[in-house]
Amino acid sequence: MPVEYENEVYSALLDRNEYTPEKLFPPECKLYMAESVTVEQRELNVPAILNHFQGRQAIVRCVFFEISYLINFINRWKSGEAFQKLEYLKIEKIYGDGLDFPQVLDRIGVKYIDATKTPPAHTLPKIHLEFNGANPNTPPITSHTYVVRESDNRVASVLIQGRSFKFGVWYKTMEEFLRMVE
């Protein structure tokens, strides 16, 4: 009897591997076409949303996070290969230490606004309000770091704070963006 029980438990553990984000939400899944999503992946270390999202605003909360996925996401945005409609992204590591974000900044080729100047604050209306009375706008992203998309020279502010990564896309070229710096 105990052997039979152990086999059932082992079998259940094996079946759990069938529930990966890619299998549950394949690239053609309509979830990725939503204009706004909030995704919590407590036990998954691959935020699939970063590979396939086609909407405008996304919040991803996760326990484990691979820096390489974030670097790949930003490089795909910068090249114009993906995320054409993206306006706002927040990735939040739920538990543990912060991510090795300085490594990320070095590897994505951020540009810096002079530390003596005040960068503009990126905020925009939320597409989805979680409850009545919620702030109708995304939290402001005020950062001295930004990246530029090669295809149209559009700018995105990049802010790293503790366990959070925020990415806000401006409807401005780099020249227009830099004119807003005070």
N, C-alpha and C. Protein backbone atom coordinates (compact mmCIF):
# COMPACT_ATOMS: atom_id res chain seq x y z
N MET A 1 0.82 -1.21 0.00
CA MET A 1 0.00 0.00 0.00
C MET A 1 0.86 1.27 0.00
N PRO A 2 1.87 1.40 0.88
CA PRO A 2 2.67 2.62 0.85
C PRO A 2 3.36 2.85 -0.49
N VAL A 3 3.79 1.80 -1.15
CA VAL A 3 4.44 1.94 -2.45
C VAL A 3 3.47 2.53 -3.46
N GLU A 4 2.23 2.05 -3.41
CA GLU A 4 1.21 2.55 -4.32
C GLU A 4 0.99 4.05 -4.08
N TYR A 5 0.93 4.45 -2.82
CA TYR A 5 0.75 5.85 -2.47
C TYR A 5 1.91 6.70 -2.99
N GLU A 6 3.14 6.22 -2.77
CA GLU A 6 4.31 6.95 -3.24
C GLU A 6 4.29 7.11 -4.75
N ASN A 7 3.88 6.08 -5.46
CA ASN A 7 3.80 6.17 -6.91
C ASN A 7 2.77 7.20 -7.34
N GLU A 8 1.64 7.27 -6.62
CA GLU A 8 0.62 8.27 -6.94
C GLU A 8 1.16 9.68 -6.73
N VAL A 9 1.87 9.88 -5.63
CA VAL A 9 2.44 11.19 -5.34
C VAL A 9 3.48 11.54 -6.41
N TYR A 10 4.35 10.60 -6.73
CA TYR A 10 5.37 10.83 -7.75
C TYR A 10 4.72 11.15 -9.09
N SER A 11 3.67 10.42 -9.41
CA SER A 11 2.96 10.65 -10.67
C SER A 11 2.35 12.05 -10.69
N ALA A 12 1.78 12.47 -9.56
CA ALA A 12 1.19 13.80 -9.48
C ALA A 12 2.26 14.88 -9.67
N LEU A 13 3.45 14.65 -9.11
CA LEU A 13 4.54 15.62 -9.27
C LEU A 13 4.98 15.70 -10.73
N LEU A 14 5.04 14.56 -11.39
CA LEU A 14 5.41 14.57 -12.80
C LEU A 14 4.38 15.32 -13.63
N ASP A 15 3.10 15.11 -13.33
CA ASP A 15 2.04 15.78 -14.07
C ASP A 15 2.10 17.29 -13.89
N ARG A 16 2.58 17.73 -12.75
CA ARG A 16 2.67 19.17 -12.48
C ARG A 16 3.57 19.86 -13.50
N ASN A 17 4.56 19.15 -14.02
CA ASN A 17 5.45 19.72 -15.03
C ASN A 17 4.73 20.01 -16.34
N GLU A 18 3.55 19.46 -16.50
CA GLU A 18 2.77 19.73 -17.70
C GLU A 18 2.12 21.11 -17.66
N TYR A 19 2.15 21.76 -16.51
CA TYR A 19 1.48 23.04 -16.35
C TYR A 19 2.47 24.19 -16.39
N THR A 20 3.24 24.25 -17.43
CA THR A 20 4.17 25.36 -17.61
C THR A 20 3.40 26.52 -18.25
N PRO A 21 3.89 27.74 -18.11
CA PRO A 21 3.18 28.88 -18.71
C PRO A 21 2.98 28.71 -20.21
N GLU A 22 3.98 28.16 -20.88
CA GLU A 22 3.88 28.00 -22.33
C GLU A 22 2.79 27.00 -22.72
N LYS A 23 2.58 25.98 -21.87
CA LYS A 23 1.54 24.99 -22.18
C LYS A 23 0.16 25.50 -21.78
N LEU A 24 0.09 26.20 -20.66
CA LEU A 24 -1.20 26.74 -20.22
C LEU A 24 -1.63 27.92 -21.09
N PHE A 25 -0.67 28.73 -21.48
CA PHE A 25 -0.95 29.93 -22.27
C PHE A 25 -0.02 29.97 -23.48
N PRO A 26 -0.32 29.21 -24.52
CA PRO A 26 0.55 29.19 -25.70
C PRO A 26 0.56 30.55 -26.39
N PRO A 27 1.53 30.80 -27.27
CA PRO A 27 1.66 32.11 -27.91
C PRO A 27 0.39 32.62 -28.58
N GLU A 28 -0.47 31.73 -29.06
CA GLU A 28 -1.70 32.17 -29.72
C GLU A 28 -2.84 32.47 -28.74
N CYS A 29 -2.59 32.34 -27.44
CA CYS A 29 -3.61 32.58 -26.41
C CYS A 29 -4.07 34.04 -26.46
N LYS A 30 -5.37 34.25 -26.32
CA LYS A 30 -5.93 35.60 -26.38
C LYS A 30 -5.55 36.46 -25.17
N LEU A 31 -5.08 35.84 -24.10
CA LEU A 31 -4.62 36.59 -22.93
C LEU A 31 -3.58 37.64 -23.35
N TYR A 32 -2.70 37.27 -24.25
CA TYR A 32 -1.62 38.17 -24.66
C TYR A 32 -2.13 39.34 -25.49
N MET A 33 -3.36 39.26 -25.99
CA MET A 33 -3.93 40.34 -26.79
C MET A 33 -4.70 41.34 -25.93
N ALA A 34 -4.88 41.05 -24.64
CA ALA A 34 -5.59 41.97 -23.75
C ALA A 34 -4.83 43.29 -23.68
N GLU A 35 -5.55 44.38 -23.58
CA GLU A 35 -4.92 45.70 -23.49
C GLU A 35 -4.18 45.88 -22.17
N SER A 36 -4.69 45.25 -21.10
CA SER A 36 -4.09 45.40 -19.78
C SER A 36 -4.18 44.07 -19.05
N VAL A 37 -3.07 43.64 -18.43
CA VAL A 37 -3.07 42.41 -17.65
C VAL A 37 -2.27 42.60 -16.37
N THR A 38 -2.69 41.87 -15.36
CA THR A 38 -1.92 41.72 -14.13
C THR A 38 -1.75 40.22 -13.94
N VAL A 39 -0.50 39.78 -13.88
CA VAL A 39 -0.21 38.36 -13.81
C VAL A 39 0.60 38.08 -12.56
N GLU A 40 0.18 37.06 -11.79
CA GLU A 40 0.95 36.59 -10.65
C GLU A 40 1.40 35.19 -10.94
N GLN A 41 2.70 34.97 -10.88
CA GLN A 41 3.27 33.66 -11.11
C GLN A 41 4.11 33.32 -9.89
N ARG A 42 3.47 32.89 -8.85
CA ARG A 42 4.17 32.65 -7.59
C ARG A 42 5.24 31.57 -7.68
N GLU A 43 4.97 30.49 -8.37
CA GLU A 43 5.91 29.37 -8.38
C GLU A 43 6.58 29.17 -9.73
N LEU A 44 6.38 30.07 -10.63
CA LEU A 44 6.95 29.91 -11.96
C LEU A 44 8.10 30.89 -12.13
N ASN A 45 9.13 30.45 -12.79
CA ASN A 45 10.28 31.34 -12.94
C ASN A 45 10.43 31.87 -14.37
N VAL A 46 9.43 31.66 -15.20
CA VAL A 46 9.47 32.15 -16.57
C VAL A 46 8.25 33.00 -16.83
N PRO A 47 8.34 34.32 -16.73
CA PRO A 47 7.18 35.15 -17.03
C PRO A 47 6.89 35.13 -18.53
N ALA A 48 6.05 34.18 -18.95
CA ALA A 48 5.73 34.01 -20.37
C ALA A 48 5.14 35.28 -20.97
N ILE A 49 4.53 36.09 -20.14
CA ILE A 49 3.92 37.32 -20.64
C ILE A 49 4.97 38.20 -21.32
N LEU A 50 6.23 38.11 -20.88
CA LEU A 50 7.29 38.93 -21.48
C LEU A 50 7.64 38.47 -22.89
N ASN A 51 7.25 37.28 -23.25
CA ASN A 51 7.57 36.79 -24.59
C ASN A 51 6.49 37.11 -25.61
N HIS A 52 5.22 37.21 -25.17
CA HIS A 52 4.13 37.23 -26.14
C HIS A 52 3.15 38.40 -25.99
N PHE A 53 3.28 39.24 -24.99
CA PHE A 53 2.30 40.28 -24.72
C PHE A 53 2.21 41.26 -25.89
N GLN A 54 0.97 41.59 -26.28
CA GLN A 54 0.74 42.52 -27.39
C GLN A 54 -0.06 43.74 -26.97
N GLY A 55 -0.40 43.83 -25.68
CA GLY A 55 -1.23 44.91 -25.19
C GLY A 55 -0.45 46.15 -24.80
N ARG A 56 -1.09 46.99 -23.98
CA ARG A 56 -0.52 48.29 -23.64
C ARG A 56 0.05 48.38 -22.23
N GLN A 57 -0.58 47.71 -21.26
CA GLN A 57 -0.14 47.84 -19.88
C GLN A 57 -0.09 46.46 -19.23
N ALA A 58 1.02 46.17 -18.53
CA ALA A 58 1.17 44.86 -17.88
C ALA A 58 1.86 45.02 -16.54
N ILE A 59 1.37 44.26 -15.58
CA ILE A 59 2.01 44.15 -14.27
C ILE A 59 2.27 42.67 -14.06
N VAL A 60 3.51 42.32 -13.75
CA VAL A 60 3.89 40.93 -13.52
C VAL A 60 4.46 40.84 -12.12
N ARG A 61 3.87 39.97 -11.31
CA ARG A 61 4.38 39.69 -9.96
C ARG A 61 4.86 38.25 -9.95
N CYS A 62 6.07 38.04 -9.46
CA CYS A 62 6.61 36.68 -9.46
C CYS A 62 7.57 36.49 -8.29
N VAL A 63 7.79 35.22 -7.94
CA VAL A 63 8.72 34.88 -6.86
C VAL A 63 10.13 34.74 -7.43
N PHE A 64 10.25 33.97 -8.49
CA PHE A 64 11.54 33.75 -9.13
C PHE A 64 11.58 34.54 -10.43
N PHE A 65 12.74 35.05 -10.74
CA PHE A 65 12.83 35.84 -11.97
C PHE A 65 14.22 35.69 -12.57
N GLU A 66 14.25 35.41 -13.84
CA GLU A 66 15.51 35.29 -14.57
C GLU A 66 15.84 36.63 -15.22
N ILE A 67 16.97 37.19 -14.88
CA ILE A 67 17.41 38.46 -15.44
C ILE A 67 17.46 38.40 -16.97
N SER A 68 17.83 37.25 -17.50
CA SER A 68 17.97 37.13 -18.96
C SER A 68 16.65 37.40 -19.67
N TYR A 69 15.51 37.07 -19.04
CA TYR A 69 14.21 37.33 -19.66
C TYR A 69 13.95 38.83 -19.76
N LEU A 70 14.33 39.56 -18.73
CA LEU A 70 14.16 41.01 -18.74
C LEU A 70 15.06 41.66 -19.80
N ILE A 71 16.28 41.22 -19.86
CA ILE A 71 17.21 41.76 -20.86
C ILE A 71 16.69 41.47 -22.26
N ASN A 72 16.22 40.26 -22.49
CA ASN A 72 15.67 39.89 -23.80
C ASN A 72 14.45 40.75 -24.14
N PHE A 73 13.57 40.95 -23.16
CA PHE A 73 12.38 41.78 -23.37
C PHE A 73 12.78 43.19 -23.83
N ILE A 74 13.68 43.82 -23.09
CA ILE A 74 14.07 45.20 -23.41
C ILE A 74 14.76 45.27 -24.76
N ASN A 75 15.62 44.31 -25.04
CA ASN A 75 16.29 44.32 -26.34
C ASN A 75 15.31 44.13 -27.49
N ARG A 76 14.28 43.31 -27.30
CA ARG A 76 13.26 43.14 -28.34
C ARG A 76 12.46 44.43 -28.51
N TRP A 77 12.16 45.13 -27.42
CA TRP A 77 11.45 46.41 -27.53
C TRP A 77 12.34 47.43 -28.25
N LYS A 78 13.60 47.52 -27.84
CA LYS A 78 14.52 48.49 -28.45
C LYS A 78 14.70 48.26 -29.94
N SER A 79 14.72 47.02 -30.36
CA SER A 79 14.93 46.72 -31.78
C SER A 79 13.67 46.95 -32.61
N GLY A 80 12.52 47.09 -31.94
CA GLY A 80 11.25 47.25 -32.65
C GLY A 80 10.66 45.91 -33.06
N GLU A 81 11.27 44.82 -32.63
CA GLU A 81 10.81 43.48 -32.97
C GLU A 81 9.49 43.13 -32.30
N ALA A 82 9.23 43.69 -31.12
CA ALA A 82 8.03 43.31 -30.37
C ALA A 82 7.57 44.46 -29.48
N PHE A 83 6.38 44.30 -28.93
CA PHE A 83 5.81 45.21 -27.93
C PHE A 83 5.57 46.62 -28.47
N GLN A 84 5.09 46.70 -29.70
CA GLN A 84 4.88 47.99 -30.35
C GLN A 84 3.87 48.86 -29.62
N LYS A 85 2.86 48.24 -28.99
CA LYS A 85 1.80 49.02 -28.33
C LYS A 85 2.08 49.26 -26.85
N LEU A 86 3.12 48.66 -26.31
CA LEU A 86 3.38 48.74 -24.87
C LEU A 86 3.57 50.18 -24.41
N GLU A 87 2.88 50.52 -23.31
CA GLU A 87 3.00 51.84 -22.70
C GLU A 87 3.62 51.75 -21.30
N TYR A 88 3.28 50.68 -20.58
CA TYR A 88 3.67 50.58 -19.17
C TYR A 88 3.89 49.13 -18.79
N LEU A 89 5.00 48.85 -18.12
CA LEU A 89 5.29 47.52 -17.60
C LEU A 89 5.87 47.66 -16.21
N LYS A 90 5.35 46.86 -15.29
CA LYS A 90 5.93 46.78 -13.95
C LYS A 90 6.16 45.31 -13.64
N ILE A 91 7.39 44.99 -13.24
CA ILE A 91 7.71 43.64 -12.79
C ILE A 91 8.10 43.75 -11.33
N GLU A 92 7.46 42.95 -10.52
CA GLU A 92 7.66 43.02 -9.08
C GLU A 92 8.03 41.63 -8.57
N LYS A 93 9.19 41.53 -7.97
CA LYS A 93 9.59 40.27 -7.33
C LYS A 93 8.94 40.26 -5.95
N ILE A 94 8.10 39.27 -5.68
CA ILE A 94 7.28 39.27 -4.48
C ILE A 94 8.09 39.07 -3.21
N TYR A 95 9.02 38.13 -3.21
CA TYR A 95 9.80 37.83 -2.00
C TYR A 95 11.28 37.88 -2.30
N GLY A 96 12.07 37.91 -1.23
CA GLY A 96 13.52 37.77 -1.39
C GLY A 96 14.21 39.08 -1.67
N ASP A 97 15.46 38.93 -2.07
CA ASP A 97 16.30 40.08 -2.36
C ASP A 97 15.90 40.72 -3.68
N GLY A 98 16.40 41.91 -3.88
CA GLY A 98 16.19 42.57 -5.16
C GLY A 98 16.94 41.84 -6.26
N LEU A 99 16.62 42.17 -7.46
CA LEU A 99 17.31 41.56 -8.59
C LEU A 99 18.64 42.26 -8.80
N ASP A 100 19.48 41.67 -9.60
CA ASP A 100 20.77 42.27 -9.91
C ASP A 100 20.57 43.30 -11.02
N PHE A 101 19.86 44.37 -10.68
CA PHE A 101 19.48 45.34 -11.69
C PHE A 101 20.63 46.15 -12.27
N PRO A 102 21.68 46.47 -11.50
CA PRO A 102 22.79 47.18 -12.16
C PRO A 102 23.32 46.39 -13.36
N GLN A 103 23.35 45.07 -13.24
CA GLN A 103 23.76 44.22 -14.36
C GLN A 103 22.81 44.42 -15.54
N VAL A 104 21.52 44.54 -15.25
CA VAL A 104 20.54 44.75 -16.31
C VAL A 104 20.80 46.07 -17.02
N LEU A 105 21.00 47.13 -16.26
CA LEU A 105 21.22 48.45 -16.85
C LEU A 105 22.42 48.43 -17.79
N ASP A 106 23.49 47.78 -17.36
CA ASP A 106 24.68 47.70 -18.21
C ASP A 106 24.40 46.94 -19.50
N ARG A 107 23.60 45.89 -19.40
CA ARG A 107 23.40 45.00 -20.56
C ARG A 107 22.32 45.46 -21.52
N ILE A 108 21.51 46.45 -21.14
CA ILE A 108 20.46 46.92 -22.05
C ILE A 108 20.82 48.26 -22.70
N GLY A 109 21.96 48.79 -22.35
CA GLY A 109 22.41 50.02 -22.99
C GLY A 109 21.58 51.24 -22.63
N VAL A 110 21.34 51.44 -21.33
CA VAL A 110 20.56 52.62 -20.93
C VAL A 110 21.36 53.89 -21.18
N LYS A 111 20.63 54.96 -21.34
CA LYS A 111 21.20 56.29 -21.44
C LYS A 111 20.85 57.00 -20.13
N TYR A 112 21.64 57.99 -19.77
CA TYR A 112 21.46 58.66 -18.49
C TYR A 112 21.18 60.15 -18.67
N ILE A 113 20.25 60.64 -17.87
CA ILE A 113 20.00 62.08 -17.77
C ILE A 113 20.94 62.60 -16.69
N ASP A 114 21.53 63.74 -16.91
CA ASP A 114 22.45 64.35 -15.95
C ASP A 114 21.80 64.38 -14.57
N ALA A 115 22.55 63.96 -13.55
CA ALA A 115 22.03 63.86 -12.19
C ALA A 115 21.62 65.22 -11.61
N THR A 116 22.12 66.31 -12.18
CA THR A 116 21.75 67.64 -11.68
C THR A 116 20.43 68.13 -12.26
N LYS A 117 19.88 67.38 -13.20
CA LYS A 117 18.62 67.77 -13.85
C LYS A 117 17.47 66.92 -13.33
N THR A 118 16.26 67.43 -13.52
CA THR A 118 15.05 66.72 -13.09
C THR A 118 14.40 66.05 -14.29
N PRO A 119 14.32 64.72 -14.26
CA PRO A 119 13.67 64.03 -15.38
C PRO A 119 12.16 64.18 -15.32
N PRO A 120 11.49 64.08 -16.46
CA PRO A 120 10.03 64.14 -16.45
C PRO A 120 9.44 62.88 -15.82
N ALA A 121 8.24 63.01 -15.28
CA ALA A 121 7.55 61.86 -14.67
C ALA A 121 6.61 61.23 -15.69
N HIS A 122 6.80 59.95 -15.94
CA HIS A 122 5.94 59.22 -16.88
C HIS A 122 4.73 58.68 -16.12
N THR A 123 3.55 59.05 -16.54
CA THR A 123 2.31 58.51 -15.99
C THR A 123 1.26 58.60 -17.09
N LEU A 124 0.31 57.71 -17.03
CA LEU A 124 -0.77 57.72 -18.02
C LEU A 124 -2.01 57.07 -17.43
N PRO A 125 -3.16 57.29 -18.03
CA PRO A 125 -4.39 56.69 -17.50
C PRO A 125 -4.33 55.16 -17.54
N LYS A 126 -4.74 54.55 -16.45
CA LYS A 126 -4.82 53.08 -16.42
C LYS A 126 -5.96 52.63 -17.32
N ILE A 127 -5.74 51.53 -17.98
CA ILE A 127 -6.79 50.95 -18.81
C ILE A 127 -7.81 50.23 -17.94
N HIS A 128 -7.31 49.59 -16.87
CA HIS A 128 -8.18 48.81 -15.99
C HIS A 128 -8.00 49.29 -14.56
N LEU A 129 -9.10 49.67 -13.91
CA LEU A 129 -9.06 50.05 -12.50
C LEU A 129 -9.49 48.85 -11.67
N GLU A 130 -8.70 48.49 -10.66
CA GLU A 130 -8.97 47.30 -9.86
C GLU A 130 -10.17 47.46 -8.95
N PHE A 131 -10.44 48.65 -8.47
CA PHE A 131 -11.58 48.87 -7.59
C PHE A 131 -12.01 50.32 -7.68
N ASN A 132 -13.25 50.58 -7.26
CA ASN A 132 -13.79 51.93 -7.28
C ASN A 132 -12.97 52.81 -6.34
N GLY A 133 -12.54 53.93 -6.80
CA GLY A 133 -11.74 54.84 -5.99
C GLY A 133 -10.24 54.66 -6.18
N ALA A 134 -9.84 53.69 -6.99
CA ALA A 134 -8.42 53.49 -7.25
C ALA A 134 -7.86 54.66 -8.04
N ASN A 135 -6.57 54.90 -7.89
CA ASN A 135 -5.92 55.95 -8.66
C ASN A 135 -6.12 55.66 -10.15
N PRO A 136 -6.64 56.60 -10.91
CA PRO A 136 -6.91 56.33 -12.33
C PRO A 136 -5.66 56.32 -13.21
N ASN A 137 -4.52 56.70 -12.65
CA ASN A 137 -3.29 56.76 -13.44
C ASN A 137 -2.25 55.76 -12.93
N THR A 138 -1.33 55.39 -13.81
CA THR A 138 -0.23 54.54 -13.40
C THR A 138 0.65 55.33 -12.44
N PRO A 139 1.34 54.64 -11.52
CA PRO A 139 2.26 55.36 -10.64
C PRO A 139 3.34 56.05 -11.47
N PRO A 140 3.74 57.26 -11.08
CA PRO A 140 4.74 57.98 -11.88
C PRO A 140 6.09 57.25 -11.90
N ILE A 141 6.71 57.29 -13.05
CA ILE A 141 8.07 56.78 -13.21
C ILE A 141 8.95 58.00 -13.45
N THR A 142 9.74 58.36 -12.44
CA THR A 142 10.66 59.48 -12.55
C THR A 142 12.06 58.90 -12.44
N SER A 143 12.76 58.86 -13.55
CA SER A 143 14.04 58.15 -13.58
C SER A 143 15.06 58.89 -14.42
N HIS A 144 16.30 58.77 -14.01
CA HIS A 144 17.41 59.34 -14.78
C HIS A 144 17.91 58.38 -15.86
N THR A 145 17.29 57.21 -15.98
CA THR A 145 17.71 56.23 -16.99
C THR A 145 16.59 56.00 -18.00
N TYR A 146 16.99 55.81 -19.24
CA TYR A 146 16.02 55.56 -20.31
C TYR A 146 16.68 54.77 -21.43
N VAL A 147 15.84 54.17 -22.27
CA VAL A 147 16.32 53.47 -23.47
C VAL A 147 15.59 54.05 -24.67
N VAL A 148 16.16 53.84 -25.84
CA VAL A 148 15.59 54.39 -27.07
C VAL A 148 15.34 53.26 -28.06
N ARG A 149 14.13 53.24 -28.64
CA ARG A 149 13.80 52.24 -29.65
C ARG A 149 14.41 52.66 -30.98
N GLU A 150 15.12 51.75 -31.60
CA GLU A 150 15.85 52.04 -32.83
C GLU A 150 14.93 52.36 -34.01
N SER A 151 13.79 51.70 -34.09
CA SER A 151 12.93 51.82 -35.27
C SER A 151 12.27 53.19 -35.40
N ASP A 152 11.94 53.84 -34.28
CA ASP A 152 11.24 55.13 -34.36
C ASP A 152 11.79 56.18 -33.40
N ASN A 153 12.91 55.87 -32.72
CA ASN A 153 13.56 56.82 -31.81
C ASN A 153 12.70 57.15 -30.59
N ARG A 154 11.71 56.30 -30.30
CA ARG A 154 10.84 56.51 -29.15
C ARG A 154 11.59 56.15 -27.86
N VAL A 155 11.29 56.86 -26.77
CA VAL A 155 11.97 56.69 -25.50
C VAL A 155 11.10 55.95 -24.49
N ALA A 156 11.75 55.16 -23.64
CA ALA A 156 11.08 54.54 -22.49
C ALA A 156 11.91 54.83 -21.25
N SER A 157 11.26 55.34 -20.21
CA SER A 157 11.92 55.52 -18.93
C SER A 157 12.07 54.16 -18.27
N VAL A 158 13.21 53.96 -17.62
CA VAL A 158 13.49 52.70 -16.92
C VAL A 158 13.78 53.05 -15.47
N LEU A 159 13.01 52.46 -14.54
CA LEU A 159 13.21 52.74 -13.12
C LEU A 159 13.35 51.42 -12.37
N ILE A 160 14.40 51.34 -11.56
CA ILE A 160 14.65 50.17 -10.74
C ILE A 160 14.66 50.62 -9.29
N GLN A 161 13.78 49.99 -8.48
CA GLN A 161 13.71 50.31 -7.06
C GLN A 161 13.52 49.01 -6.30
N GLY A 162 14.52 48.60 -5.53
CA GLY A 162 14.41 47.37 -4.74
C GLY A 162 14.08 46.17 -5.59
N ARG A 163 12.89 45.62 -5.37
CA ARG A 163 12.46 44.42 -6.11
C ARG A 163 11.55 44.77 -7.28
N SER A 164 11.48 46.03 -7.67
CA SER A 164 10.59 46.45 -8.76
C SER A 164 11.36 46.99 -9.95
N PHE A 165 10.86 46.65 -11.12
CA PHE A 165 11.36 47.18 -12.38
C PHE A 165 10.18 47.85 -13.06
N LYS A 166 10.32 49.12 -13.45
CA LYS A 166 9.24 49.83 -14.14
C LYS A 166 9.76 50.36 -15.47
N PHE A 167 8.86 50.29 -16.46
CA PHE A 167 9.21 50.64 -17.83
C PHE A 167 8.05 51.44 -18.39
N GLY A 168 8.27 52.71 -18.71
CA GLY A 168 7.21 53.57 -19.22
C GLY A 168 7.58 54.16 -20.57
N VAL A 169 6.77 53.86 -21.58
CA VAL A 169 7.06 54.31 -22.94
C VAL A 169 6.42 55.67 -23.19
N TRP A 170 7.22 56.59 -23.67
CA TRP A 170 6.76 57.93 -23.99
C TRP A 170 6.32 57.99 -25.45
N TYR A 171 5.35 58.84 -25.73
CA TYR A 171 4.98 59.13 -27.11
C TYR A 171 5.83 60.30 -27.59
N LYS A 172 7.12 60.17 -27.39
CA LYS A 172 8.07 61.23 -27.72
C LYS A 172 9.32 60.59 -28.32
N THR A 173 9.95 61.30 -29.23
CA THR A 173 11.27 60.88 -29.71
C THR A 173 12.29 61.28 -28.65
N MET A 174 13.52 60.84 -28.81
CA MET A 174 14.55 61.18 -27.84
C MET A 174 14.74 62.69 -27.75
N GLU A 175 14.72 63.38 -28.87
CA GLU A 175 14.91 64.83 -28.86
C GLU A 175 13.76 65.51 -28.11
N GLU A 176 12.53 65.09 -28.37
CA GLU A 176 11.37 65.67 -27.68
C GLU A 176 11.42 65.36 -26.18
N PHE A 177 11.82 64.15 -25.84
CA PHE A 177 11.93 63.73 -24.45
C PHE A 177 12.97 64.58 -23.72
N LEU A 178 14.13 64.76 -24.31
CA LEU A 178 15.19 65.51 -23.65
C LEU A 178 14.83 66.98 -23.48
N ARG A 179 13.96 67.51 -24.32
CA ARG A 179 13.50 68.90 -24.14
C ARG A 179 12.62 69.04 -22.89
N MET A 180 12.05 67.94 -22.41
CA MET A 180 11.21 67.98 -21.20
C MET A 180 12.03 67.94 -19.92
N VAL A 181 13.30 67.61 -20.02
CA VAL A 181 14.18 67.54 -18.85
C VAL A 181 14.47 68.95 -18.36
N GLU A 182 14.35 69.16 -17.05
CA GLU A 182 14.57 70.50 -16.47
C GLU A 182 15.91 70.58 -15.78
